[in-house]
Amino acid sequence: MQQGDSSPETRAAFEAVCKAYWYPLYAFLRRKGHRPHEAADLTQGFFAHLAEKRTLGRADRARGRFRNFLLGSLKNFVRDCGRKGTGDMIDGEQVVSLGEVNAEGEIRYAHEPTDVQDPEKIFERRWALTILDRVHTRLAAGYAGKGKEIVFSRLQVYLVQRTTEESYDDVARDLGRGWTAGAVKTEVSRMRAGWRDLFREEILRTVDTAGDIEDEIRHLFAVLQG
């Protein structure tokens, strides 16, 4: 994503990055010991700083994954806040609503595992879950766009489970006329393939080349299993 101009498209792309990835950064700051309002202000100030400096447009992803770039940049920002004074660093335009960060952040952070004390591990875990959430949301939106919300709702369990207590025949009866066990099986395969494609697309947005995708996938699943 290029942040070298102020076009509406560039602005929208930048805001999308902020809204997608603010929470892993917020969780990192909270686990570092910052109080909720401090973590929210620092997260807001950090994204405002990126917008002002157009840092995302200059990011060289070949030097590391996008998650590493964001976390490293946040650490530098927080260190600079300590030297220059937090107030001077976080004044400016809001990129992510502070109300959204405070309200949603408090609820979500309360459910973070207390046995994981390392702030970077919390960040990594939340980054991986954010990727999965984005894939699920995009896949659901694709089905909704085709008027197939009920199909997605009924079959999404097969994205995380190979089998369920219900048979494909049971599912077909629930979905109604025109559905057979074979049609359900085909749709489940199609849904899983769509999920895999979207997952790889999301990963590609955060690495330098397509050749890095497999390594990043292995890393993210290792984080989730750790």
Protein backbone atom coordinates (compact mmCIF):
# COMPACT_ATOMS: atom_id res chain seq x y z
CA MET A 1 0.00 0.00 0.00
CA GLN A 2 1.37 3.34 -0.97
CA GLN A 3 0.93 6.17 1.48
CA GLY A 4 2.70 8.72 -0.69
CA ASP A 5 -0.39 10.75 -1.58
CA SER A 6 -3.57 11.94 0.12
CA SER A 7 -6.11 10.57 -2.35
CA PRO A 8 -9.38 9.17 -0.95
CA GLU A 9 -8.33 5.69 -2.08
CA THR A 10 -5.02 5.92 -0.23
CA ARG A 11 -6.71 7.30 2.85
CA ALA A 12 -9.28 4.50 2.82
CA ALA A 13 -6.56 1.85 2.44
CA PHE A 14 -4.58 3.31 5.32
CA GLU A 15 -7.64 3.46 7.58
CA ALA A 16 -8.42 -0.15 6.71
CA VAL A 17 -4.96 -1.21 7.90
CA CYS A 18 -5.42 0.72 11.14
CA LYS A 19 -8.85 -0.74 11.85
CA ALA A 20 -7.63 -4.25 11.09
CA TYR A 21 -4.45 -4.24 13.15
CA TRP A 22 -4.94 -1.80 16.01
CA TYR A 23 -5.90 -4.47 18.52
CA PRO A 24 -2.72 -6.62 18.43
CA LEU A 25 -0.76 -3.42 19.08
CA TYR A 26 -3.15 -2.34 21.83
CA ALA A 27 -2.85 -5.76 23.51
CA PHE A 28 0.94 -5.53 23.33
CA LEU A 29 0.88 -2.16 25.09
CA ARG A 30 -1.52 -3.38 27.76
CA ARG A 31 0.66 -6.39 28.53
CA LYS A 32 3.65 -4.04 28.72
CA GLY A 33 1.90 -2.42 31.69
CA HIS A 34 0.17 0.58 30.15
CA ARG A 35 -3.24 1.41 31.57
CA PRO A 36 -6.23 1.17 29.19
CA HIS A 37 -6.42 4.87 28.37
CA GLU A 38 -2.64 5.05 27.92
CA ALA A 39 -2.61 2.08 25.56
CA ALA A 40 -5.53 3.55 23.59
CA ASP A 41 -3.85 6.96 23.32
CA LEU A 42 -0.54 5.43 22.28
CA THR A 43 -2.23 3.26 19.66
CA GLN A 44 -4.08 6.27 18.30
CA GLY A 45 -0.96 8.42 18.37
CA PHE A 46 1.07 5.73 16.65
CA PHE A 47 -1.29 5.48 13.69
CA ALA A 48 -1.52 9.27 13.46
CA HIS A 49 2.29 9.30 13.41
CA LEU A 50 2.36 6.76 10.57
CA ALA A 51 -0.17 8.83 8.63
CA GLU A 52 1.79 12.04 9.11
CA LYS A 53 5.14 10.52 8.17
CA ARG A 54 3.66 8.29 5.44
CA THR A 55 5.74 5.52 6.95
CA LEU A 56 3.69 2.64 5.56
CA GLY A 57 4.42 3.73 2.02
CA ARG A 58 8.15 3.57 2.68
CA ALA A 59 8.11 0.26 4.51
CA ASP A 60 10.52 -2.26 3.05
CA ARG A 61 8.77 -5.54 3.72
CA ALA A 62 11.80 -7.43 2.46
CA ARG A 63 13.43 -6.64 5.78
CA GLY A 64 10.76 -8.52 7.67
CA ARG A 65 7.11 -9.36 7.90
CA PHE A 66 4.62 -6.52 8.08
CA ARG A 67 3.78 -7.57 11.65
CA ASN A 68 7.45 -7.16 12.58
CA PHE A 69 7.55 -3.76 10.92
CA LEU A 70 4.48 -2.52 12.81
CA LEU A 71 5.64 -3.84 16.18
CA GLY A 72 9.16 -2.46 15.73
CA SER A 73 7.78 0.91 14.68
CA LEU A 74 5.45 0.96 17.69
CA LYS A 75 8.35 0.24 20.06
CA ASN A 76 10.31 3.14 18.55
CA PHE A 77 7.27 5.40 18.84
CA VAL A 78 6.73 4.53 22.51
CA ARG A 79 10.42 5.09 23.23
CA ASP A 80 10.24 8.50 21.57
CA CYS A 81 7.15 9.30 23.61
CA GLY A 82 9.15 8.59 26.74
CA ARG A 83 11.88 10.99 25.66
CA LYS A 84 9.74 13.79 24.26
CA GLY A 85 6.64 13.50 26.40
CA THR A 86 3.56 11.48 25.49
CA GLY A 87 1.34 14.52 25.05
CA ASP A 88 3.55 15.98 22.33
CA MET A 89 3.59 12.68 20.42
CA ILE A 90 -0.08 11.72 20.45
CA ASP A 91 -1.71 15.04 19.58
CA GLY A 92 -3.20 15.08 16.13
CA GLU A 93 -5.82 13.59 13.87
CA GLN A 94 -7.69 10.51 14.97
CA VAL A 95 -7.33 7.55 12.64
CA VAL A 96 -9.12 4.95 14.76
CA SER A 97 -11.92 6.13 17.01
CA LEU A 98 -10.69 6.23 20.60
CA GLY A 99 -14.16 5.32 21.73
CA GLU A 100 -13.97 2.18 19.62
CA VAL A 101 -10.54 1.30 20.96
CA ASN A 102 -11.49 1.85 24.60
CA ALA A 103 -14.81 0.05 24.51
CA GLU A 104 -13.87 -2.90 22.34
CA GLY A 105 -10.34 -3.11 23.65
CA GLU A 106 -11.40 -3.39 27.26
CA ILE A 107 -13.83 -6.19 26.49
CA ARG A 108 -11.40 -8.14 24.37
CA TYR A 109 -8.36 -7.66 26.55
CA ALA A 110 -10.21 -8.99 29.58
CA HIS A 111 -10.29 -12.38 27.85
CA GLU A 112 -6.60 -12.58 27.00
CA PRO A 113 -4.82 -15.55 28.65
CA THR A 114 -3.23 -14.49 31.92
CA ASP A 115 -0.57 -17.19 31.68
CA VAL A 116 1.00 -15.53 28.64
CA GLN A 117 3.08 -12.78 30.16
CA ASP A 118 5.32 -11.93 27.21
CA PRO A 119 3.84 -8.85 25.45
CA GLU A 120 5.30 -9.96 22.11
CA LYS A 121 3.59 -13.35 22.39
CA ILE A 122 0.27 -11.62 23.03
CA PHE A 123 0.89 -9.48 19.97
CA GLU A 124 1.78 -12.50 17.82
CA ARG A 125 -1.27 -14.45 19.00
CA ARG A 126 -3.62 -11.55 18.36
CA TRP A 127 -2.04 -10.90 14.97
CA ALA A 128 -2.71 -14.50 13.92
CA LEU A 129 -6.30 -14.34 15.18
CA THR A 130 -6.82 -11.05 13.36
CA ILE A 131 -5.78 -12.68 10.10
CA LEU A 132 -8.25 -15.51 10.70
CA ASP A 133 -11.03 -13.08 11.60
CA ARG A 134 -10.45 -11.11 8.39
CA VAL A 135 -10.59 -14.28 6.30
CA HIS A 136 -13.82 -15.40 7.97
CA THR A 137 -15.41 -11.98 7.48
CA ARG A 138 -14.47 -11.86 3.80
CA LEU A 139 -15.74 -15.38 3.19
CA ALA A 140 -19.04 -14.62 4.94
CA ALA A 141 -19.41 -11.43 2.91
CA GLY A 142 -18.90 -13.38 -0.30
CA TYR A 143 -21.73 -15.74 0.56
CA ALA A 144 -23.94 -12.83 1.66
CA GLY A 145 -23.31 -11.13 -1.65
CA LYS A 146 -24.80 -14.15 -3.38
CA GLY A 147 -27.79 -14.29 -1.04
CA LYS A 148 -26.43 -17.45 0.61
CA GLU A 149 -26.11 -16.27 4.22
CA ILE A 150 -28.06 -19.29 5.50
CA VAL A 151 -25.81 -21.69 3.61
CA PHE A 152 -22.71 -20.10 5.10
CA SER A 153 -24.19 -20.08 8.59
CA ARG A 154 -25.10 -23.76 8.32
CA LEU A 155 -21.83 -24.97 6.79
CA GLN A 156 -19.20 -22.79 8.44
CA VAL A 157 -18.69 -25.37 11.18
CA TYR A 158 -16.93 -27.52 8.57
CA LEU A 159 -14.19 -24.90 8.29
CA VAL A 160 -12.89 -25.97 11.71
CA GLN A 161 -14.18 -29.54 11.91
CA ARG A 162 -13.72 -32.32 9.38
CA THR A 163 -16.88 -34.06 10.57
CA THR A 164 -19.82 -33.32 12.86
CA GLU A 165 -22.44 -35.40 14.61
CA GLU A 166 -24.82 -34.52 11.78
CA SER A 167 -24.57 -36.20 8.41
CA TYR A 168 -24.61 -34.38 5.11
CA ASP A 169 -28.13 -35.77 4.67
CA ASP A 170 -29.21 -34.01 7.87
CA VAL A 171 -27.74 -30.74 6.68
CA ALA A 172 -29.36 -31.12 3.26
CA ARG A 173 -32.80 -31.57 4.88
CA ASP A 174 -32.25 -28.41 6.93
CA LEU A 175 -31.23 -26.39 3.88
CA GLY A 176 -34.36 -27.45 2.04
CA ARG A 177 -35.42 -28.24 -1.49
CA GLY A 178 -32.69 -28.71 -4.05
CA TRP A 179 -30.09 -29.79 -1.51
CA THR A 180 -28.73 -33.32 -1.38
CA ALA A 181 -25.92 -34.88 0.62
CA GLY A 182 -23.77 -34.70 -2.49
CA ALA A 183 -24.56 -31.01 -2.97
CA VAL A 184 -23.65 -30.29 0.65
CA LYS A 185 -20.36 -32.16 0.29
CA THR A 186 -19.54 -30.19 -2.86
CA GLU A 187 -20.38 -26.88 -1.18
CA VAL A 188 -18.25 -27.72 1.85
CA SER A 189 -15.30 -28.45 -0.45
CA ARG A 190 -15.91 -25.19 -2.29
CA MET A 191 -16.12 -23.26 0.98
CA ARG A 192 -12.87 -24.75 2.26
CA ALA A 193 -11.11 -23.95 -1.00
CA GLY A 194 -12.41 -20.38 -0.85
CA TRP A 195 -11.17 -20.06 2.72
CA ARG A 196 -7.70 -21.26 1.73
CA ASP A 197 -7.53 -18.81 -1.16
CA LEU A 198 -8.59 -15.87 1.02
CA PHE A 199 -6.16 -16.93 3.75
CA ARG A 200 -3.26 -16.90 1.34
CA GLU A 201 -4.39 -13.51 0.01
CA GLU A 202 -4.37 -12.06 3.52
CA ILE A 203 -0.93 -13.49 4.22
CA LEU A 204 0.42 -12.14 0.95
CA ARG A 205 -0.58 -8.64 2.03
CA THR A 206 1.77 -8.91 5.00
CA VAL A 207 4.89 -10.45 3.42
CA ASP A 208 7.30 -9.38 0.72
CA THR A 209 6.80 -12.10 -1.90
CA ALA A 210 4.58 -15.10 -2.57
CA GLY A 211 7.57 -17.27 -1.69
CA ASP A 212 7.28 -16.11 1.92
CA ILE A 213 3.67 -17.24 2.33
CA GLU A 214 4.35 -20.80 3.49
CA ASP A 215 6.88 -19.73 6.12
CA GLU A 216 4.45 -17.14 7.46
CA ILE A 217 1.60 -19.65 7.57
CA ARG A 218 3.75 -22.09 9.52
CA HIS A 219 4.73 -19.33 11.93
CA LEU A 220 1.15 -18.19 12.55
CA PHE A 221 -0.14 -21.68 13.22
CA ALA A 222 2.81 -22.38 15.51
CA VAL A 223 1.84 -19.24 17.45
CA LEU A 224 -1.75 -20.41 17.77
CA GLN A 225 -0.71 -23.88 18.88
CA GLY A 226 1.90 -22.64 21.32
